[in-house]
């Protein structure tokens, strides 16, 4: 027995040394890779050799301490060294990762190696902050992809499940993989459970206008009285509007109607090749500008309230600036949800946009064609690769599991394409050149625009953990718009922070009427309020909604209902 224990320890030591050497090799290989990725010069700068040597020594010492600690644990002694995943990292939460000394060591050694590669990224010289952030992003993508949880041979959950199911999980995983190959994307939810218009996007209403680019939905009233001033909602065109109308209990659209608003919504078309010629100006003219005019005609009012979400807010603000330059002042209040107007800091999305990439896209789709939905979905997924890519690789393909039904993830998989000219203009003039925030620099629809001339009151919501619209950047909108701003910071991220139903009373939001300071100073003296921002917004909008009157049916004699909500445009899937 003693000899057998000695053999086991020797085998374990041999495995541990292999893991440590693999970590050293991985880190050394990626040092040069990251340097070249972050710098476009012919001779990329070299990492400080003394700092690199110190990091390597630290890694080796930590790996040895880890091996000794795991070995001591197997001998019934207290662990003296332990490596914990970052908060929210659930990849190694299953007990199988700790039951075996090999896998216990393996996953902790991986975490040490990951930390080492990220520290190398910090040592890497870079020409500017964007280059440095690109190195950080690539380092994270590399270490996330090489996690032992992503491979059958190094994932104990795969082995245990295969044994428990007598191999059926392997067969199921292969079938899941083949099915996703046919789809061209990873399945994140059981898509057979949902149908747009049947159990999601079910708020009652009618399409009252349509053109090549969008359908305009007018929702049926839910209150005996409504405000005379209607509300037009402009959602993002890079995904479907029904993120705002998933289920009745978490529908922001339904909440708006329940507050006594006559709600109209732009439902963007999922463009096909026939729409591949459409430009940014087309989206302004035939999107919010057309919708605003129709809404005024139907409701017979001089001014309406307007709300934009994400890039829908950017499009809406641009359209209002065009109308202002034309002498049309038809919006009484503006609400912007997680919207960028100042693109000086765009977070990690901006790392995908540079002069070389822009020139390539402009040469291929800039004059016509589509930016495929698949490309957009892949980009957004890899911003949170562990949650939106590798989690499903391990679950669907290694464990042979079917993902559960989840309405938000069904929406996330229902992507849209973009016309090439629109996408290239958007990336060039806003993300790359940041021209929208500079008065008079951009010409849209034949006129120079100035956001500072928009003098209506504005409600600006940002979310604290937003990885698409950094909240500090959203805060800058208070400096750009000419009207009185109310800035609200919600908890959570780009979607969960917005779709936070008032009835569930979850999370928090921060308020501070003093907008004279920078973003961090604003937050330092802001007051935290428990629950959803929805009620705060409803109270802000109420006095701007006009006098109360009896509601009317959707449409009028000129704009007769075309079809029931949610309409056919939102049901078209990208090919």
Protein backbone atom coordinates (compact mmCIF):
# COMPACT_ATOMS: atom_id res chain seq x y z
CA UNK A 1 0.00 0.00 0.00
CA UNK A 2 2.87 2.38 0.87
CA UNK A 3 4.46 1.65 -2.50
CA UNK A 4 1.13 2.30 -4.26
CA UNK A 5 0.74 5.66 -2.44
CA UNK A 6 4.28 6.57 -3.44
CA UNK A 7 3.51 5.73 -7.07
CA UNK A 8 0.34 7.86 -6.95
CA UNK A 9 2.28 10.78 -5.52
CA UNK A 10 4.98 10.41 -8.16
CA UNK A 11 2.34 10.37 -10.89
CA UNK A 12 0.65 13.40 -9.41
CA UNK A 13 3.97 15.23 -9.16
CA UNK A 14 4.72 14.40 -12.77
CA UNK A 15 1.34 15.74 -13.88
CA UNK A 16 1.78 18.86 -11.79
CA UNK A 17 5.19 19.58 -13.29
CA UNK A 18 3.73 19.13 -16.79
CA UNK A 19 0.96 21.61 -16.01
CA UNK A 20 3.46 24.13 -14.66
CA UNK A 21 5.69 23.77 -17.72
CA UNK A 22 2.65 24.12 -19.99
CA UNK A 23 1.76 27.35 -18.24
CA UNK A 24 5.27 28.71 -18.69
CA UNK A 25 5.31 27.76 -22.37
CA UNK A 26 1.86 29.27 -22.97
CA UNK A 27 2.86 32.54 -21.35
CA UNK A 28 6.14 32.80 -23.26
CA UNK A 29 4.44 32.12 -26.59
CA UNK A 30 1.79 34.75 -26.00
CA UNK A 31 4.26 37.42 -24.94
CA UNK A 32 5.33 37.90 -28.56
CA UNK A 33 1.80 37.37 -29.86
CA UNK A 34 0.31 40.07 -27.63
CA UNK A 35 3.11 42.48 -28.42
CA UNK A 36 2.45 42.20 -32.16
CA UNK A 37 -1.31 42.41 -31.64
CA UNK A 38 -1.15 45.60 -29.62
CA UNK A 39 1.35 47.47 -31.78
CA UNK A 40 1.25 48.11 -35.50
CA UNK A 41 4.90 49.17 -35.81
CA UNK A 42 7.35 47.11 -37.86
CA UNK A 43 9.41 46.27 -34.77
CA UNK A 44 7.11 45.72 -31.79
CA UNK A 45 8.63 46.86 -28.48
CA UNK A 46 10.00 44.25 -26.13
CA UNK A 47 8.68 43.59 -22.66
CA UNK A 48 10.99 44.69 -19.84
CA UNK A 49 13.08 41.50 -19.32
CA UNK A 50 13.54 42.07 -15.59
CA UNK A 51 9.81 42.52 -15.04
CA UNK A 52 9.07 39.45 -17.14
CA UNK A 53 11.62 37.37 -15.22
CA UNK A 54 10.09 38.48 -11.94
CA UNK A 55 6.62 37.45 -13.16
CA UNK A 56 7.90 34.06 -14.31
CA UNK A 57 9.57 33.43 -10.96
CA UNK A 58 6.40 34.43 -9.15
CA UNK A 59 4.35 32.04 -11.31
CA UNK A 60 6.73 29.14 -10.70
CA UNK A 61 6.70 29.77 -6.94
CA UNK A 62 2.90 29.92 -6.91
CA UNK A 63 2.58 26.74 -8.96
CA UNK A 64 4.88 24.89 -6.55
CA UNK A 65 2.91 26.23 -3.57
CA UNK A 66 -0.29 25.12 -5.24
CA UNK A 67 1.02 21.62 -5.88
CA UNK A 68 2.15 21.25 -2.27
CA UNK A 69 -1.18 22.55 -1.01
CA UNK A 70 -3.26 20.17 -3.14
CA UNK A 71 -1.04 17.26 -2.12
CA UNK A 72 -1.43 18.20 1.55
CA UNK A 73 -5.20 18.31 1.08
CA UNK A 74 -5.16 14.72 -0.20
CA UNK A 75 -3.25 13.71 2.92
CA UNK A 76 -5.95 15.23 5.11
CA UNK A 77 -3.97 18.36 5.99
CA UNK A 78 -5.11 21.95 5.79
CA UNK A 79 -4.63 23.73 2.47
CA UNK A 80 -1.97 26.42 2.71
CA UNK A 81 -2.44 27.90 -0.77
CA UNK A 82 -5.60 28.17 -2.83
CA UNK A 83 -6.52 29.99 -6.05
CA UNK A 84 -10.10 31.23 -6.30
CA UNK A 85 -11.84 32.21 -9.54
CA UNK A 86 -12.87 35.82 -10.04
CA UNK A 87 -16.34 36.77 -8.72
CA UNK A 88 -19.04 35.48 -11.07
CA UNK A 89 -16.82 32.82 -12.69
CA UNK A 90 -18.83 29.59 -12.38
CA UNK A 91 -16.75 27.39 -14.70
CA UNK A 92 -15.20 25.38 -11.86
CA UNK A 93 -18.03 25.43 -9.32
CA UNK A 94 -19.00 21.74 -9.76
CA UNK A 95 -17.60 19.40 -7.05
CA UNK A 96 -15.86 17.25 -9.70
CA UNK A 97 -13.20 19.94 -10.01
CA UNK A 98 -12.17 19.41 -6.38
CA UNK A 99 -12.86 15.71 -5.83
CA UNK A 100 -9.78 14.63 -7.79
CA UNK A 101 -6.32 16.04 -6.95
CA UNK A 102 -5.47 16.17 -10.65
CA UNK A 103 -8.48 18.30 -11.59
CA UNK A 104 -8.21 20.29 -8.38
CA UNK A 105 -4.67 21.20 -9.33
CA UNK A 106 -5.48 21.59 -13.02
CA UNK A 107 -8.16 24.24 -12.68
CA UNK A 108 -6.22 26.23 -10.10
CA UNK A 109 -3.04 26.04 -12.19
CA UNK A 110 -5.05 27.32 -15.14
CA UNK A 111 -6.25 30.29 -13.06
CA UNK A 112 -2.64 31.08 -12.15
CA UNK A 113 -1.54 30.83 -15.79
CA UNK A 114 -4.45 33.08 -16.82
CA UNK A 115 -3.47 35.68 -14.28
CA UNK A 116 0.11 35.49 -15.53
CA UNK A 117 -0.86 36.08 -19.16
CA UNK A 118 -3.02 39.05 -18.17
CA UNK A 119 -0.13 40.48 -16.15
CA UNK A 120 2.10 40.14 -19.21
CA UNK A 121 -0.51 42.13 -21.14
CA UNK A 122 -0.15 44.91 -18.58
CA UNK A 123 3.64 44.90 -19.06
CA UNK A 124 3.33 45.14 -22.81
CA UNK A 125 4.34 48.56 -24.19
CA UNK A 126 1.65 50.11 -26.39
CA UNK A 127 1.42 53.14 -28.65
CA UNK A 128 -1.82 54.37 -27.04
CA UNK A 129 -4.62 53.33 -24.70
CA UNK A 130 -6.61 51.70 -27.50
CA UNK A 131 -3.63 49.48 -28.36
CA UNK A 132 -3.24 48.59 -24.70
CA UNK A 133 -6.93 47.70 -24.42
CA UNK A 134 -6.67 45.58 -27.56
CA UNK A 135 -3.84 43.62 -25.95
CA UNK A 136 -5.94 43.16 -22.79
CA UNK A 137 -8.89 41.98 -24.83
CA UNK A 138 -6.85 39.48 -26.83
CA UNK A 139 -5.20 38.17 -23.67
CA UNK A 140 -8.62 37.55 -22.16
CA UNK A 141 -9.88 35.82 -25.31
CA UNK A 142 -6.85 33.51 -25.32
CA UNK A 143 -7.05 32.45 -21.69
CA UNK A 144 -10.84 32.03 -21.87
CA UNK A 145 -10.53 29.79 -24.94
CA UNK A 146 -7.84 27.60 -23.32
CA UNK A 147 -9.80 26.88 -20.13
CA UNK A 148 -9.73 23.18 -19.19
CA UNK A 149 -13.53 23.30 -18.94
CA UNK A 150 -13.69 23.69 -22.75
CA UNK A 151 -12.06 20.34 -23.59
CA UNK A 152 -13.25 16.79 -23.08
CA UNK A 153 -9.91 15.45 -21.87
CA UNK A 154 -9.57 18.07 -19.13
CA UNK A 155 -13.18 18.48 -18.01
CA UNK A 156 -14.16 16.05 -15.21
CA UNK A 157 -17.84 16.96 -15.61
CA UNK A 158 -17.71 15.58 -19.15
CA UNK A 159 -16.22 12.32 -17.87
CA UNK A 160 -18.64 11.90 -14.98
CA UNK A 161 -21.67 12.64 -17.13
CA UNK A 162 -20.49 10.25 -19.85
CA UNK A 163 -20.11 7.47 -17.27
CA UNK A 164 -23.47 8.23 -15.65
CA UNK A 165 -25.31 8.17 -19.00
CA UNK A 166 -23.34 5.23 -20.41
CA UNK A 167 -22.07 7.42 -23.22
CA UNK A 168 -25.43 8.92 -24.23
CA UNK A 169 -24.25 12.41 -23.29
CA UNK A 170 -21.43 12.10 -25.85
CA UNK A 171 -23.91 11.15 -28.56
CA UNK A 172 -26.23 13.99 -27.54
CA UNK A 173 -23.33 16.44 -27.56
CA UNK A 174 -22.30 15.44 -31.08
CA UNK A 175 -25.91 15.80 -32.25
CA UNK A 176 -26.13 19.23 -30.64
CA UNK A 177 -22.93 20.23 -32.39
CA UNK A 178 -24.18 19.04 -35.79
CA UNK A 179 -27.48 20.88 -35.34
CA UNK A 180 -25.67 24.10 -34.45
CA UNK A 181 -23.42 23.68 -37.47
CA UNK A 182 -26.56 23.71 -39.60
CA UNK A 183 -27.79 26.85 -37.84
CA UNK A 184 -24.41 28.52 -38.10
CA UNK A 185 -24.45 29.58 -34.43
CA UNK A 186 -24.39 28.25 -30.89
CA UNK A 187 -27.80 27.49 -29.36
CA UNK A 188 -28.29 29.44 -26.16
CA UNK A 189 -31.86 28.43 -25.41
CA UNK A 190 -34.59 26.03 -26.48
CA UNK A 191 -35.86 28.04 -29.43
CA UNK A 192 -38.81 25.71 -30.06
CA UNK A 193 -40.58 27.10 -26.98
CA UNK A 194 -40.95 30.67 -28.26
CA UNK A 195 -42.81 32.32 -31.11
CA UNK A 196 -42.91 36.05 -31.70
CA UNK A 197 -46.47 37.30 -31.39
CA UNK A 198 -47.62 34.16 -29.57
CA UNK A 199 -45.80 34.05 -26.23
CA UNK A 200 -43.36 36.95 -26.62
CA UNK A 201 -44.03 40.42 -28.06
CA UNK A 202 -47.71 40.03 -27.21
CA UNK A 203 -48.69 43.57 -26.22
CA UNK A 204 -51.89 44.37 -28.08
CA UNK A 205 -51.83 46.94 -30.86
CA UNK A 206 -51.71 47.42 -34.62
CA UNK A 207 -49.31 48.40 -37.36
CA UNK A 208 -50.61 51.76 -38.61
CA UNK A 209 -47.86 52.67 -41.09
CA UNK A 210 -45.01 50.99 -42.92
CA UNK A 211 -42.30 51.70 -45.44
CA UNK A 212 -39.30 49.80 -46.80
CA UNK A 213 -37.39 50.31 -43.55
CA UNK A 214 -39.83 50.05 -40.66
CA UNK A 215 -43.32 49.42 -39.42
CA UNK A 216 -44.96 51.81 -36.96
CA UNK A 217 -46.92 50.07 -34.20
CA UNK A 218 -49.57 51.84 -32.12
CA UNK A 219 -50.35 49.97 -28.89
CA UNK A 220 -53.85 49.61 -27.53
CA UNK A 221 -54.62 51.61 -24.36
CA UNK A 222 -54.83 49.93 -20.96
CA UNK A 223 -56.17 52.87 -18.96
CA UNK A 224 -59.51 54.73 -19.06
CA UNK A 225 -57.67 58.03 -19.67
CA UNK A 226 -54.47 58.79 -21.58
CA UNK A 227 -52.26 61.84 -21.92
CA UNK A 228 -52.87 63.92 -25.02
CA UNK A 229 -49.17 63.87 -25.88
CA UNK A 230 -48.14 60.42 -27.26
CA UNK A 231 -44.82 58.63 -26.78
CA UNK A 232 -42.74 57.39 -29.74
CA UNK A 233 -40.23 54.61 -28.95
CA UNK A 234 -37.20 54.07 -31.21
CA UNK A 235 -35.44 50.79 -30.32
CA UNK A 236 -32.02 49.75 -31.66
CA UNK A 237 -31.88 48.54 -35.25
CA UNK A 238 -29.06 46.07 -34.53
CA UNK A 239 -31.51 43.68 -32.84
CA UNK A 240 -35.27 43.14 -32.53
CA UNK A 241 -37.47 45.55 -30.59
CA UNK A 242 -39.17 42.89 -28.48
CA UNK A 243 -36.44 42.98 -25.84
CA UNK A 244 -38.77 45.72 -24.59
CA UNK A 245 -41.80 43.42 -24.80
CA UNK A 246 -40.75 39.90 -23.86
CA UNK A 247 -43.44 38.83 -21.38
CA UNK A 248 -46.25 40.88 -19.80
CA UNK A 249 -44.51 40.84 -16.41
CA UNK A 250 -41.23 42.28 -17.74
CA UNK A 251 -42.49 44.32 -20.70
CA UNK A 252 -41.29 47.92 -20.68
CA UNK A 253 -43.76 48.64 -23.50
CA UNK A 254 -46.67 47.37 -21.43
CA UNK A 255 -45.48 49.42 -18.45
CA UNK A 256 -45.43 52.56 -20.63
CA UNK A 257 -49.00 51.90 -21.75
CA UNK A 258 -50.12 51.18 -18.18
CA UNK A 259 -48.88 54.64 -17.18
CA UNK A 260 -51.49 56.22 -19.43
CA UNK A 261 -49.33 56.85 -22.49
CA UNK A 262 -50.41 56.38 -26.08
CA UNK A 263 -47.36 54.44 -27.21
CA UNK A 264 -46.04 54.15 -30.76
CA UNK A 265 -42.98 52.06 -31.64
CA UNK A 266 -40.66 51.80 -34.63
CA UNK A 267 -40.21 48.15 -35.62
CA UNK A 268 -37.12 48.07 -37.84
CA UNK A 269 -36.99 45.73 -40.79
CA UNK A 270 -34.43 42.95 -40.82
CA UNK A 271 -32.77 44.03 -44.07
CA UNK A 272 -32.16 41.66 -46.94
CA UNK A 273 -30.09 42.20 -50.07
CA UNK A 274 -32.82 44.44 -51.51
CA UNK A 275 -32.26 46.86 -48.62
CA UNK A 276 -28.47 46.65 -48.81
CA UNK A 277 -28.27 50.14 -50.35
CA UNK A 278 -29.82 51.96 -47.37
CA UNK A 279 -27.76 54.67 -45.70
CA UNK A 280 -27.62 56.44 -42.34
CA UNK A 281 -29.68 59.26 -43.83
CA UNK A 282 -32.30 56.72 -44.97
CA UNK A 283 -32.59 55.44 -41.41
CA UNK A 284 -33.18 58.98 -40.14
CA UNK A 285 -35.65 60.03 -42.83
CA UNK A 286 -37.64 56.80 -43.07
CA UNK A 287 -37.27 55.86 -39.39
CA UNK A 288 -37.91 58.39 -36.61
CA UNK A 289 -38.56 61.41 -38.87
CA UNK A 290 -41.28 59.59 -40.80
CA UNK A 291 -42.65 58.07 -37.60
CA UNK A 292 -42.82 61.41 -35.79
CA UNK A 293 -44.81 62.96 -38.62
CA UNK A 294 -47.25 60.05 -38.73
CA UNK A 295 -47.71 60.06 -34.95
CA UNK A 296 -48.52 63.78 -35.01
CA UNK A 297 -51.08 63.27 -37.76
CA UNK A 298 -52.77 60.38 -36.00
CA UNK A 299 -52.93 62.05 -32.58
CA UNK A 300 -53.42 65.63 -33.91
CA UNK A 301 -50.84 67.20 -31.59
CA UNK A 302 -48.03 69.67 -32.21
CA UNK A 303 -45.44 67.86 -30.11
CA UNK A 304 -44.82 64.29 -28.99
CA UNK A 305 -42.54 62.68 -26.41
CA UNK A 306 -39.78 60.43 -27.74
CA UNK A 307 -37.62 57.64 -26.32
CA UNK A 308 -34.56 55.96 -27.84
CA UNK A 309 -32.76 52.84 -26.65
CA UNK A 310 -29.07 52.18 -27.43
CA UNK A 311 -28.30 52.98 -31.08
CA UNK A 312 -31.99 53.80 -31.42
CA UNK A 313 -31.27 56.74 -29.13
CA UNK A 314 -28.34 57.81 -31.32
CA UNK A 315 -30.53 57.62 -34.44
CA UNK A 316 -33.37 59.47 -32.71
CA UNK A 317 -31.12 62.26 -31.42
CA UNK A 318 -29.57 62.65 -34.87
CA UNK A 319 -33.03 62.82 -36.46
CA UNK A 320 -34.15 65.48 -33.97
CA UNK A 321 -31.01 67.52 -34.74
CA UNK A 322 -31.90 67.33 -38.45
CA UNK A 323 -35.48 68.42 -37.75
CA UNK A 324 -34.24 71.28 -35.58
CA UNK A 325 -32.00 72.48 -38.41
CA UNK A 326 -35.08 72.39 -40.67
CA UNK A 327 -37.04 74.51 -38.21
CA UNK A 328 -39.18 71.65 -36.87
CA UNK A 329 -39.47 71.50 -33.09
CA UNK A 330 -41.89 68.61 -32.66
CA UNK A 331 -40.55 66.69 -29.65
CA UNK A 332 -41.47 67.93 -26.16
CA UNK A 333 -39.23 65.56 -24.18
CA UNK A 334 -36.48 63.08 -24.95
CA UNK A 335 -35.57 59.90 -23.09
CA UNK A 336 -32.28 58.14 -23.88
CA UNK A 337 -31.64 54.64 -22.53
CA UNK A 338 -28.01 53.42 -22.59
CA UNK A 339 -27.21 55.66 -25.56
CA UNK A 340 -23.93 57.00 -26.91
CA UNK A 341 -23.72 60.52 -28.31
CA UNK A 342 -20.08 61.10 -27.35
CA UNK A 343 -18.05 58.18 -28.72
CA UNK A 344 -14.71 59.10 -27.15
CA UNK A 345 -14.91 55.98 -24.96
CA UNK A 346 -16.88 53.14 -26.52
CA UNK A 347 -15.63 50.31 -24.36
CA UNK A 348 -14.47 47.09 -25.96
CA UNK A 349 -16.68 47.41 -29.04
CA UNK A 350 -14.39 50.19 -30.21
CA UNK A 351 -11.49 47.75 -30.27
CA UNK A 352 -13.04 46.09 -33.33
CA UNK A 353 -13.04 49.34 -35.29
CA UNK A 354 -9.85 50.80 -36.76
CA UNK A 355 -8.78 52.44 -39.99
CA UNK A 356 -7.63 49.22 -41.63
CA UNK A 357 -10.83 47.34 -40.82
CA UNK A 358 -13.01 50.27 -41.84
CA UNK A 359 -11.29 50.61 -45.19
CA UNK A 360 -11.82 46.90 -45.85
CA UNK A 361 -15.53 47.09 -45.03
CA UNK A 362 -16.03 50.27 -47.03
CA UNK A 363 -14.42 48.56 -50.03
CA UNK A 364 -16.68 45.52 -49.77
CA UNK A 365 -20.08 46.62 -48.43
CA UNK A 366 -19.75 50.39 -48.17
CA UNK A 367 -21.54 50.98 -51.47
CA UNK A 368 -24.05 48.17 -51.06
CA UNK A 369 -24.51 44.82 -49.39
CA UNK A 370 -25.09 43.63 -45.84
CA UNK A 371 -23.16 43.40 -42.61
CA UNK A 372 -24.43 39.92 -41.66
CA UNK A 373 -26.31 39.33 -38.43
CA UNK A 374 -23.94 36.47 -37.66
CA UNK A 375 -20.96 38.83 -37.59
CA UNK A 376 -22.72 41.20 -35.20
CA UNK A 377 -23.84 38.40 -32.90
CA UNK A 378 -20.36 36.89 -32.78
CA UNK A 379 -18.82 40.26 -31.92
CA UNK A 380 -21.23 40.90 -29.06
CA UNK A 381 -20.94 37.34 -27.76
CA UNK A 382 -17.16 37.49 -27.48
CA UNK A 383 -17.41 40.60 -25.35
CA UNK A 384 -18.62 38.14 -22.70
CA UNK A 385 -17.14 34.94 -24.08
CA UNK A 386 -17.33 32.81 -20.93
CA UNK A 387 -21.05 33.50 -20.49
CA UNK A 388 -22.15 33.61 -24.14
CA UNK A 389 -19.76 31.22 -25.92
CA UNK A 390 -17.75 28.78 -23.80
CA UNK A 391 -20.54 28.15 -21.32
CA UNK A 392 -22.59 26.67 -24.17
CA UNK A 393 -19.66 24.84 -25.73
CA UNK A 394 -19.21 22.97 -22.45
CA UNK A 395 -22.92 22.47 -21.77
CA UNK A 396 -24.23 21.70 -25.25
CA UNK A 397 -21.34 19.75 -26.76
CA UNK A 398 -19.33 18.24 -23.90
CA UNK A 399 -22.16 17.45 -21.49
CA UNK A 400 -24.79 16.87 -24.19
CA UNK A 401 -27.31 19.14 -22.51
CA UNK A 402 -30.09 21.12 -24.12
CA UNK A 403 -30.08 24.74 -22.95
CA UNK A 404 -33.21 25.70 -20.98
CA UNK A 405 -35.92 27.95 -22.39
CA UNK A 406 -35.14 31.60 -21.67
CA UNK A 407 -36.93 34.44 -23.46
CA UNK A 408 -34.03 36.91 -23.25
CA UNK A 409 -31.59 34.44 -24.81
CA UNK A 410 -34.11 33.63 -27.54
CA UNK A 411 -34.13 37.35 -28.37
CA UNK A 412 -30.33 37.41 -28.20
CA UNK A 413 -30.19 34.69 -30.87
CA UNK A 414 -32.71 36.47 -33.11
CA UNK A 415 -30.17 38.82 -34.67
CA UNK A 416 -30.50 41.36 -37.45
CA UNK A 417 -28.28 42.35 -40.34
CA UNK A 418 -27.39 45.93 -41.26
CA UNK A 419 -27.14 47.59 -44.67
CA UNK A 420 -23.47 48.03 -45.53
CA UNK A 421 -23.59 51.79 -46.30
CA UNK A 422 -25.41 52.46 -43.02
CA UNK A 423 -22.99 50.35 -40.97
CA UNK A 424 -19.87 51.83 -42.56
CA UNK A 425 -21.07 55.42 -42.10
CA UNK A 426 -21.98 54.69 -38.48
CA UNK A 427 -18.61 53.12 -37.68
CA UNK A 428 -16.61 55.74 -39.58
CA UNK A 429 -18.26 58.95 -38.41
CA UNK A 430 -19.31 58.02 -34.91
CA UNK A 431 -17.12 55.22 -33.52
CA UNK A 432 -13.94 56.15 -35.36
CA UNK A 433 -14.15 59.95 -35.79
CA UNK A 434 -16.54 60.82 -32.92
CA UNK A 435 -18.06 63.59 -35.04
CA UNK A 436 -21.64 63.65 -33.69
CA UNK A 437 -20.66 65.48 -30.51
CA UNK A 438 -18.89 68.24 -32.46
CA UNK A 439 -21.34 71.02 -33.40
CA UNK A 440 -21.71 71.51 -37.13
CA UNK A 441 -19.16 68.88 -38.14
CA UNK A 442 -21.56 66.24 -39.46
CA UNK A 443 -23.97 66.69 -42.32
CA UNK A 444 -27.04 64.47 -42.20
CA UNK A 445 -29.93 64.51 -44.63
CA UNK A 446 -28.38 67.52 -46.35
CA UNK A 447 -27.97 69.71 -43.26
CA UNK A 448 -25.34 70.37 -40.61
CA UNK A 449 -26.39 69.18 -37.16
CA UNK A 450 -25.79 70.47 -33.64
CA UNK A 451 -27.02 68.43 -30.66
CA UNK A 452 -26.70 71.51 -28.47
CA UNK A 453 -29.73 73.03 -30.20
CA UNK A 454 -31.98 70.30 -28.78
CA UNK A 455 -33.46 72.19 -25.85
CA UNK A 456 -36.22 69.84 -24.69
CA UNK A 457 -35.94 68.23 -21.22
CA UNK A 458 -34.09 64.91 -21.40
CA UNK A 459 -34.04 61.82 -19.19
CA UNK A 460 -30.76 59.92 -19.56
CA UNK A 461 -30.38 56.39 -18.20
CA UNK A 462 -27.03 54.62 -18.07
CA UNK A 463 -26.23 51.33 -16.36
CA UNK A 464 -23.27 50.79 -14.10
CA UNK A 465 -21.96 47.50 -15.56
CA UNK A 466 -22.72 48.27 -19.20
CA UNK A 467 -19.99 46.80 -21.44
CA UNK A 468 -21.53 48.26 -24.63
CA UNK A 469 -22.28 51.83 -23.56
CA UNK A 470 -19.90 52.74 -20.70
CA UNK A 471 -21.86 54.82 -18.24
CA UNK A 472 -19.19 57.53 -18.10
CA UNK A 473 -19.71 58.04 -21.84
CA UNK A 474 -23.50 58.17 -21.47
CA UNK A 475 -23.02 60.81 -18.77
CA UNK A 476 -21.32 63.03 -21.35
CA UNK A 477 -24.71 63.46 -23.06
CA UNK A 478 -25.62 65.87 -20.26
CA UNK A 479 -22.93 68.17 -21.68
CA UNK A 480 -24.04 67.89 -25.29
CA UNK A 481 -27.80 68.44 -25.23
CA UNK A 482 -29.17 71.93 -24.69
CA UNK A 483 -32.14 71.09 -22.47
CA UNK A 484 -32.34 70.32 -18.76
CA UNK A 485 -31.05 66.80 -18.10
CA UNK A 486 -31.97 64.23 -15.48
CA UNK A 487 -29.21 61.61 -15.34
CA UNK A 488 -30.00 58.27 -13.71
CA UNK A 489 -27.54 55.42 -13.20
CA UNK A 490 -29.08 51.97 -12.95
CA UNK A 491 -27.51 48.84 -11.56
CA UNK A 492 -26.48 45.86 -13.71
CA UNK A 493 -25.70 45.85 -17.43
CA UNK A 494 -26.85 47.00 -20.85
CA UNK A 495 -29.98 44.82 -20.97
CA UNK A 496 -30.72 43.72 -17.40
CA UNK A 497 -30.27 47.28 -16.16
CA UNK A 498 -32.90 48.57 -18.59
CA UNK A 499 -35.34 45.66 -18.46
CA UNK A 500 -35.77 45.85 -14.68
CA UNK A 501 -39.53 45.65 -13.98
CA UNK A 502 -40.87 48.00 -11.33
CA UNK A 503 -43.14 45.24 -10.00
CA UNK A 504 -40.17 43.07 -8.97
CA UNK A 505 -38.47 45.91 -7.05
CA UNK A 506 -34.97 44.59 -7.77
CA UNK A 507 -31.58 46.27 -7.94
CA UNK A 508 -30.96 49.98 -7.43
CA UNK A 509 -30.54 53.27 -9.24
CA UNK A 510 -28.58 56.40 -8.36
CA UNK A 511 -29.75 60.02 -8.59
CA UNK A 512 -27.97 63.34 -8.25
CA UNK A 513 -29.38 66.64 -9.53
CA UNK A 514 -25.93 68.23 -9.58
CA UNK A 515 -24.54 67.63 -13.07
CA UNK A 516 -21.75 70.19 -12.89
CA UNK A 517 -19.07 67.66 -11.91
CA UNK A 518 -17.49 64.82 -13.87
CA UNK A 519 -19.01 61.33 -13.81
CA UNK A 520 -17.08 59.95 -10.84
CA UNK A 521 -17.71 63.07 -8.74
CA UNK A 522 -21.40 62.83 -9.65
CA UNK A 523 -21.53 59.23 -8.43
CA UNK A 524 -19.61 60.02 -5.23
CA UNK A 525 -22.44 62.26 -4.03
CA UNK A 526 -25.36 60.45 -5.73
CA UNK A 527 -28.14 58.90 -3.67
CA UNK A 528 -28.85 55.20 -4.07
CA UNK A 529 -32.52 54.24 -4.42
CA UNK A 530 -33.67 50.65 -4.10
CA UNK A 531 -35.72 49.15 -6.90
CA UNK A 532 -36.27 49.93 -10.56
CA UNK A 533 -35.72 53.23 -12.34
CA UNK A 534 -39.02 52.69 -14.20
CA UNK A 535 -41.12 54.47 -11.58
CA UNK A 536 -38.74 57.42 -11.46
CA UNK A 537 -38.97 57.80 -15.23
CA UNK A 538 -42.78 57.50 -15.18
CA UNK A 539 -42.99 60.27 -12.58
CA UNK A 540 -40.66 62.46 -14.69
CA UNK A 541 -42.69 61.92 -17.85
CA UNK A 542 -46.15 62.37 -16.31
CA UNK A 543 -46.26 66.21 -16.32
CA UNK A 544 -44.92 66.20 -19.88
CA UNK A 545 -47.72 64.00 -21.20
CA UNK A 546 -50.44 66.64 -21.50
CA UNK A 547 -54.00 66.70 -20.29
CA UNK A 548 -55.99 63.52 -19.80
CA UNK A 549 -58.55 62.40 -22.35
CA UNK A 550 -60.36 59.25 -23.40
CA UNK A 551 -58.18 56.91 -25.50
CA UNK A 552 -58.79 56.32 -29.18
CA UNK A 553 -58.45 53.26 -31.34
CA UNK A 554 -55.18 52.75 -33.25
CA UNK A 555 -54.82 54.68 -36.48
CA UNK A 556 -57.25 57.04 -38.16
CA UNK A 557 -59.00 57.48 -41.50
CA UNK A 558 -55.69 58.10 -43.30
CA UNK A 559 -53.57 55.60 -41.40
CA UNK A 560 -55.72 52.54 -41.05
CA UNK A 561 -54.46 49.47 -39.17
CA UNK A 562 -52.51 47.22 -41.53
CA UNK A 563 -52.08 44.16 -39.33
CA UNK A 564 -52.02 43.29 -35.61
CA UNK A 565 -48.93 43.93 -33.52
CA UNK A 566 -46.14 42.91 -33.47
CA UNK A 567 -46.31 42.97 -37.28
CA UNK A 568 -44.51 40.87 -39.84
CA UNK A 569 -41.22 42.81 -39.99
CA UNK A 570 -40.12 41.67 -36.54
CA UNK A 571 -40.86 38.06 -37.46
CA UNK A 572 -38.40 38.05 -40.37
CA UNK A 573 -35.22 36.23 -39.36
CA UNK A 574 -31.79 36.93 -40.76
CA UNK A 575 -30.70 34.40 -43.36
